Protein backbone atom coordinates (compact mmCIF):
# COMPACT_ATOMS: atom_id res chain seq x y z
CA UNK A 1 0.00 0.00 0.00
CA UNK A 2 2.87 2.37 0.75
CA UNK A 3 4.28 1.96 -2.76
CA UNK A 4 0.93 2.93 -4.25
CA UNK A 5 0.76 6.04 -2.08
CA UNK A 6 4.31 7.11 -3.05
CA UNK A 7 3.49 6.49 -6.72
CA UNK A 8 0.32 8.58 -6.39
CA UNK A 9 2.22 11.42 -4.69
CA UNK A 10 4.88 11.38 -7.39
CA UNK A 11 2.26 11.34 -10.14
CA UNK A 12 0.28 14.15 -8.50
CA UNK A 13 3.44 16.24 -8.06
CA UNK A 14 4.35 15.75 -11.73
CA UNK A 15 0.87 16.83 -12.81
CA UNK A 16 1.06 19.98 -10.67
CA UNK A 17 4.59 20.75 -11.89
CA UNK A 18 3.54 20.38 -15.53
CA UNK A 19 0.47 22.57 -14.99
CA UNK A 20 2.55 25.31 -13.37
CA UNK A 21 5.17 25.12 -16.12
CA UNK A 22 2.50 25.48 -18.80
CA UNK A 23 0.99 28.35 -16.80
CA UNK A 24 4.37 30.11 -16.74
CA UNK A 25 4.79 29.85 -20.50
CA UNK A 26 1.23 31.07 -21.12
CA UNK A 27 1.90 34.13 -18.92
CA UNK A 28 5.12 34.77 -20.88
CA UNK A 29 3.18 34.43 -24.14
CA UNK A 30 0.58 36.97 -22.98
CA UNK A 31 3.36 39.34 -21.92
CA UNK A 32 4.92 39.19 -25.37
CA UNK A 33 1.48 39.55 -26.96
CA UNK A 34 0.82 42.65 -24.84
CA UNK A 35 4.07 44.27 -26.01
CA UNK A 36 3.13 43.42 -29.60
CA UNK A 37 -0.38 44.86 -29.11
CA UNK A 38 0.98 48.13 -27.70
CA UNK A 39 3.39 48.46 -30.63
CA UNK A 40 0.55 47.80 -33.06
CA UNK A 41 -1.67 50.38 -31.34
CA UNK A 42 1.08 52.98 -31.72
CA UNK A 43 1.01 52.16 -35.43
CA UNK A 44 -2.78 52.62 -35.57
CA UNK A 45 -4.01 49.00 -35.37
CA UNK A 46 -6.26 48.74 -32.32
CA UNK A 47 -7.67 45.21 -32.69
CA UNK A 48 -4.80 43.44 -30.88
CA UNK A 49 -4.99 45.62 -27.78
CA UNK A 50 -8.79 45.38 -27.76
CA UNK A 51 -8.49 41.58 -27.82
CA UNK A 52 -5.97 41.69 -24.99
CA UNK A 53 -8.26 43.95 -22.94
CA UNK A 54 -11.14 41.51 -23.48
CA UNK A 55 -8.98 38.60 -22.32
CA UNK A 56 -7.45 40.44 -19.36
CA UNK A 57 -9.99 39.72 -16.58
CA UNK A 58 -11.23 36.25 -17.56
CA UNK A 59 -7.88 34.76 -18.63
CA UNK A 60 -4.74 36.74 -17.82
CA UNK A 61 -5.52 37.80 -14.24
CA UNK A 62 -6.25 34.22 -13.04
CA UNK A 63 -3.09 32.96 -14.77
CA UNK A 64 -0.95 35.60 -13.06
CA UNK A 65 -2.70 34.91 -9.74
CA UNK A 66 -1.97 31.18 -10.00
CA UNK A 67 1.67 31.95 -10.83
CA UNK A 68 2.15 34.30 -7.87
CA UNK A 69 0.29 32.11 -5.37
CA UNK A 70 2.22 29.01 -6.42
CA UNK A 71 5.52 30.89 -6.07
CA UNK A 72 4.57 32.11 -2.59
CA UNK A 73 3.35 28.66 -1.59
CA UNK A 74 6.58 27.08 -2.83
CA UNK A 75 8.64 29.60 -0.84
CA UNK A 76 6.65 29.02 2.33
CA UNK A 77 6.92 25.23 1.99
CA UNK A 78 10.70 25.47 1.42
CA UNK A 79 11.12 27.76 4.43
CA UNK A 80 9.08 25.42 6.65
CA UNK A 81 11.08 22.37 5.51
CA UNK A 82 14.39 24.11 6.25
CA UNK A 83 13.09 25.28 9.61
CA UNK A 84 11.87 21.81 10.61
CA UNK A 85 15.00 20.07 9.35
CA UNK A 86 17.23 22.44 11.30
CA UNK A 87 15.14 21.84 14.44
CA UNK A 88 15.45 18.06 14.02
CA UNK A 89 19.24 18.36 13.74
CA UNK A 90 19.37 20.38 16.97
CA UNK A 91 17.61 17.64 18.93
C-alpha atoms as a PDB file:
ATOM      1  CA  UNK A   1       0.000   0.000   0.000  1.00  0.00           C
ATOM      2  CA  UNK A   2       2.874   2.369   0.748  1.00  0.00           C
ATOM      3  CA  UNK A   3       4.277   1.961  -2.765  1.00  0.00           C
ATOM      4  CA  UNK A   4       0.930   2.934  -4.250  1.00  0.00           C
ATOM      5  CA  UNK A   5       0.759   6.040  -2.078  1.00  0.00           C
ATOM      6  CA  UNK A   6       4.306   7.114  -3.054  1.00  0.00           C
ATOM      7  CA  UNK A   7       3.492   6.494  -6.715  1.00  0.00           C
ATOM      8  CA  UNK A   8       0.319   8.581  -6.388  1.00  0.00           C
ATOM      9  CA  UNK A   9       2.217  11.425  -4.691  1.00  0.00           C
ATOM     10  CA  UNK A  10       4.883  11.383  -7.395  1.00  0.00           C
ATOM     11  CA  UNK A  11       2.264  11.339 -10.144  1.00  0.00           C
ATOM     12  CA  UNK A  12       0.279  14.145  -8.497  1.00  0.00           C
ATOM     13  CA  UNK A  13       3.444  16.236  -8.058  1.00  0.00           C
ATOM     14  CA  UNK A  14       4.351  15.753 -11.729  1.00  0.00           C
ATOM     15  CA  UNK A  15       0.868  16.831 -12.815  1.00  0.00           C
ATOM     16  CA  UNK A  16       1.057  19.980 -10.666  1.00  0.00           C
ATOM     17  CA  UNK A  17       4.588  20.748 -11.891  1.00  0.00           C
ATOM     18  CA  UNK A  18       3.536  20.383 -15.535  1.00  0.00           C
ATOM     19  CA  UNK A  19       0.467  22.566 -14.985  1.00  0.00           C
ATOM     20  CA  UNK A  20       2.549  25.311 -13.374  1.00  0.00           C
ATOM     21  CA  UNK A  21       5.170  25.115 -16.119  1.00  0.00           C
ATOM     22  CA  UNK A  22       2.496  25.476 -18.805  1.00  0.00           C
ATOM     23  CA  UNK A  23       0.995  28.349 -16.800  1.00  0.00           C
ATOM     24  CA  UNK A  24       4.375  30.111 -16.741  1.00  0.00           C
ATOM     25  CA  UNK A  25       4.785  29.853 -20.503  1.00  0.00           C
ATOM     26  CA  UNK A  26       1.232  31.071 -21.121  1.00  0.00           C
ATOM     27  CA  UNK A  27       1.905  34.128 -18.925  1.00  0.00           C
ATOM     28  CA  UNK A  28       5.124  34.769 -20.881  1.00  0.00           C
ATOM     29  CA  UNK A  29       3.177  34.433 -24.136  1.00  0.00           C
ATOM     30  CA  UNK A  30       0.578  36.969 -22.980  1.00  0.00           C
ATOM     31  CA  UNK A  31       3.361  39.341 -21.924  1.00  0.00           C
ATOM     32  CA  UNK A  32       4.918  39.190 -25.372  1.00  0.00           C
ATOM     33  CA  UNK A  33       1.482  39.552 -26.965  1.00  0.00           C
ATOM     34  CA  UNK A  34       0.823  42.652 -24.843  1.00  0.00           C
ATOM     35  CA  UNK A  35       4.069  44.273 -26.012  1.00  0.00           C
ATOM     36  CA  UNK A  36       3.131  43.419 -29.595  1.00  0.00           C
ATOM     37  CA  UNK A  37      -0.381  44.858 -29.111  1.00  0.00           C
ATOM     38  CA  UNK A  38       0.983  48.129 -27.702  1.00  0.00           C
ATOM     39  CA  UNK A  39       3.390  48.464 -30.627  1.00  0.00           C
ATOM     40  CA  UNK A  40       0.554  47.797 -33.058  1.00  0.00           C
ATOM     41  CA  UNK A  41      -1.666  50.380 -31.335  1.00  0.00           C
ATOM     42  CA  UNK A  42       1.080  52.985 -31.718  1.00  0.00           C
ATOM     43  CA  UNK A  43       1.007  52.156 -35.429  1.00  0.00           C
ATOM     44  CA  UNK A  44      -2.778  52.617 -35.570  1.00  0.00           C
ATOM     45  CA  UNK A  45      -4.012  49.004 -35.368  1.00  0.00           C
ATOM     46  CA  UNK A  46      -6.259  48.738 -32.317  1.00  0.00           C
ATOM     47  CA  UNK A  47      -7.670  45.207 -32.685  1.00  0.00           C
ATOM     48  CA  UNK A  48      -4.801  43.444 -30.881  1.00  0.00           C
ATOM     49  CA  UNK A  49      -4.991  45.616 -27.776  1.00  0.00           C
ATOM     50  CA  UNK A  50      -8.788  45.376 -27.758  1.00  0.00           C
ATOM     51  CA  UNK A  51      -8.492  41.584 -27.818  1.00  0.00           C
ATOM     52  CA  UNK A  52      -5.971  41.692 -24.987  1.00  0.00           C
ATOM     53  CA  UNK A  53      -8.261  43.947 -22.939  1.00  0.00           C
ATOM     54  CA  UNK A  54     -11.142  41.512 -23.482  1.00  0.00           C
ATOM     55  CA  UNK A  55      -8.977  38.603 -22.316  1.00  0.00           C
ATOM     56  CA  UNK A  56      -7.447  40.445 -19.355  1.00  0.00           C
ATOM     57  CA  UNK A  57      -9.991  39.722 -16.583  1.00  0.00           C
ATOM     58  CA  UNK A  58     -11.227  36.254 -17.559  1.00  0.00           C
ATOM     59  CA  UNK A  59      -7.877  34.759 -18.627  1.00  0.00           C
ATOM     60  CA  UNK A  60      -4.738  36.735 -17.816  1.00  0.00           C
ATOM     61  CA  UNK A  61      -5.520  37.802 -14.236  1.00  0.00           C
ATOM     62  CA  UNK A  62      -6.248  34.222 -13.041  1.00  0.00           C
ATOM     63  CA  UNK A  63      -3.095  32.963 -14.771  1.00  0.00           C
ATOM     64  CA  UNK A  64      -0.955  35.599 -13.062  1.00  0.00           C
ATOM     65  CA  UNK A  65      -2.696  34.910  -9.740  1.00  0.00           C
ATOM     66  CA  UNK A  66      -1.967  31.178  -9.997  1.00  0.00           C
ATOM     67  CA  UNK A  67       1.665  31.945 -10.831  1.00  0.00           C
ATOM     68  CA  UNK A  68       2.145  34.303  -7.875  1.00  0.00           C
ATOM     69  CA  UNK A  69       0.290  32.107  -5.367  1.00  0.00           C
ATOM     70  CA  UNK A  70       2.219  29.009  -6.416  1.00  0.00           C
ATOM     71  CA  UNK A  71       5.520  30.892  -6.068  1.00  0.00           C
ATOM     72  CA  UNK A  72       4.574  32.112  -2.588  1.00  0.00           C
ATOM     73  CA  UNK A  73       3.350  28.661  -1.591  1.00  0.00           C
ATOM     74  CA  UNK A  74       6.580  27.076  -2.830  1.00  0.00           C
ATOM     75  CA  UNK A  75       8.642  29.604  -0.843  1.00  0.00           C
ATOM     76  CA  UNK A  76       6.647  29.018   2.332  1.00  0.00           C
ATOM     77  CA  UNK A  77       6.921  25.228   1.989  1.00  0.00           C
ATOM     78  CA  UNK A  78      10.700  25.465   1.421  1.00  0.00           C
ATOM     79  CA  UNK A  79      11.118  27.757   4.430  1.00  0.00           C
ATOM     80  CA  UNK A  80       9.081  25.417   6.653  1.00  0.00           C
ATOM     81  CA  UNK A  81      11.078  22.375   5.509  1.00  0.00           C
ATOM     82  CA  UNK A  82      14.387  24.111   6.245  1.00  0.00           C
ATOM     83  CA  UNK A  83      13.092  25.276   9.610  1.00  0.00           C
ATOM     84  CA  UNK A  84      11.871  21.808  10.611  1.00  0.00           C
ATOM     85  CA  UNK A  85      15.001  20.068   9.349  1.00  0.00           C
ATOM     86  CA  UNK A  86      17.234  22.442  11.304  1.00  0.00           C
ATOM     87  CA  UNK A  87      15.136  21.844  14.437  1.00  0.00           C
ATOM     88  CA  UNK A  88      15.452  18.059  14.019  1.00  0.00           C
ATOM     89  CA  UNK A  89      19.241  18.355  13.739  1.00  0.00           C
ATOM     90  CA  UNK A  90      19.368  20.380  16.967  1.00  0.00           C
ATOM     91  CA  UNK A  91      17.608  17.639  18.932  1.00  0.00           C
END
